[in-house]
């Protein structure tokens, strides 16, 4: 298993998170504020400069109003990104 930030699997994971963010109509800066992180945190993982761990994946999904389990299931099944926004 390749551990590189440039692996096809990691690139696909990042693409999924970017698609969910854009589908939710959320800008990087807004997501960063929700996570209590600088905007560069979002830019770095979306740009492939930084890996995210599973705890960060869950926090990002929830901040976007998406179900992290469903997103991960879609990722592992190699399905296109589907978003589930929370009412509110």
Protein backbone atom coordinates (compact mmCIF):
# COMPACT_ATOMS: atom_id res chain seq x y z
CA UNK A 1 0.00 0.00 0.00
CA UNK A 2 1.43 3.33 -1.06
CA UNK A 3 1.61 5.91 1.74
CA UNK A 4 2.22 8.88 -0.51
CA UNK A 5 0.05 11.95 -0.51
CA UNK A 6 -0.05 11.47 -4.26
CA UNK A 7 -1.56 7.97 -4.22
CA UNK A 8 -4.68 7.45 -6.31
CA UNK A 9 -6.67 6.42 -3.24
CA UNK A 10 -5.74 9.52 -1.25
CA UNK A 11 -6.41 11.74 -4.25
CA UNK A 12 -9.86 10.14 -4.52
CA UNK A 13 -10.53 10.74 -0.81
CA UNK A 14 -9.59 14.40 -1.12
CA UNK A 15 -11.76 14.74 -4.22
CA UNK A 16 -14.68 13.31 -2.24
CA UNK A 17 -14.22 15.84 0.57
CA UNK A 18 -13.84 18.73 -1.87
CA UNK A 19 -17.01 17.66 -3.70
CA UNK A 20 -18.94 17.47 -0.42
CA UNK A 21 -17.69 20.91 0.60
CA UNK A 22 -18.62 22.45 -2.73
CA UNK A 23 -22.01 20.70 -2.82
CA UNK A 24 -22.69 22.13 0.63
CA UNK A 25 -21.82 25.61 -0.66
CA UNK A 26 -19.11 26.03 1.96
CA UNK A 27 -15.88 27.93 1.32
CA UNK A 28 -12.55 26.81 2.74
CA UNK A 29 -12.45 29.73 5.15
CA UNK A 30 -15.92 28.93 6.53
CA UNK A 31 -15.08 25.25 6.99
CA UNK A 32 -11.85 26.17 8.74
CA UNK A 33 -13.73 28.42 11.18
CA UNK A 34 -16.19 25.59 11.95
CA UNK A 35 -13.25 23.31 12.69
CA UNK A 36 -11.36 25.90 14.71
CA UNK A 37 -8.43 25.65 12.31
CA UNK A 38 -6.72 28.10 9.95
CA UNK A 39 -7.83 28.20 6.31
CA UNK A 40 -4.41 26.82 5.37
CA UNK A 41 -5.37 23.52 7.07
CA UNK A 42 -8.13 23.06 4.49
CA UNK A 43 -5.97 24.27 1.60
CA UNK A 44 -3.15 21.90 2.54
CA UNK A 45 -5.21 18.72 2.70
CA UNK A 46 -7.23 19.69 -0.38
CA UNK A 47 -4.00 20.49 -2.23
CA UNK A 48 -2.39 17.21 -1.28
CA UNK A 49 0.25 18.74 0.99
CA UNK A 50 -1.13 17.24 4.20
CA UNK A 51 -2.77 13.95 5.11
CA UNK A 52 -5.83 13.84 7.31
CA UNK A 53 -6.53 11.11 9.83
CA UNK A 54 -9.84 9.40 10.52
CA UNK A 55 -10.70 11.74 13.41
CA UNK A 56 -10.18 14.74 11.14
CA UNK A 57 -12.22 13.05 8.38
CA UNK A 58 -15.16 12.66 10.79
CA UNK A 59 -14.87 16.26 12.00
CA UNK A 60 -14.72 17.60 8.44
CA UNK A 61 -17.72 15.55 7.31
CA UNK A 62 -19.79 16.64 10.31
CA UNK A 63 -18.81 20.29 9.86
CA UNK A 64 -20.15 20.01 6.30
CA UNK A 65 -23.43 18.48 7.50
CA UNK A 66 -22.58 15.10 5.97
CA UNK A 67 -22.72 11.64 7.52
CA UNK A 68 -19.10 10.49 7.91
CA UNK A 69 -20.07 6.81 7.90
CA UNK A 70 -21.98 7.20 4.65
CA UNK A 71 -19.12 9.14 3.06
CA UNK A 72 -16.61 6.50 4.12
CA UNK A 73 -18.89 3.76 2.85
CA UNK A 74 -19.17 5.55 -0.50
CA UNK A 75 -15.40 5.96 -0.60
CA UNK A 76 -14.71 2.30 0.12
CA UNK A 77 -17.33 1.23 -2.42
CA UNK A 78 -15.76 3.59 -5.00
CA UNK A 79 -19.04 5.42 -5.47
CA UNK A 80 -19.27 9.10 -6.42
CA UNK A 81 -19.70 11.57 -3.58
CA UNK A 82 -23.20 11.80 -2.19
CA UNK A 83 -23.96 14.45 0.35
CA UNK A 84 -26.51 14.36 3.11
CA UNK A 85 -27.08 17.78 4.59
CA UNK A 86 -28.54 18.26 8.00
CA UNK A 87 -31.68 20.32 8.33
CA UNK A 88 -31.13 23.32 10.39
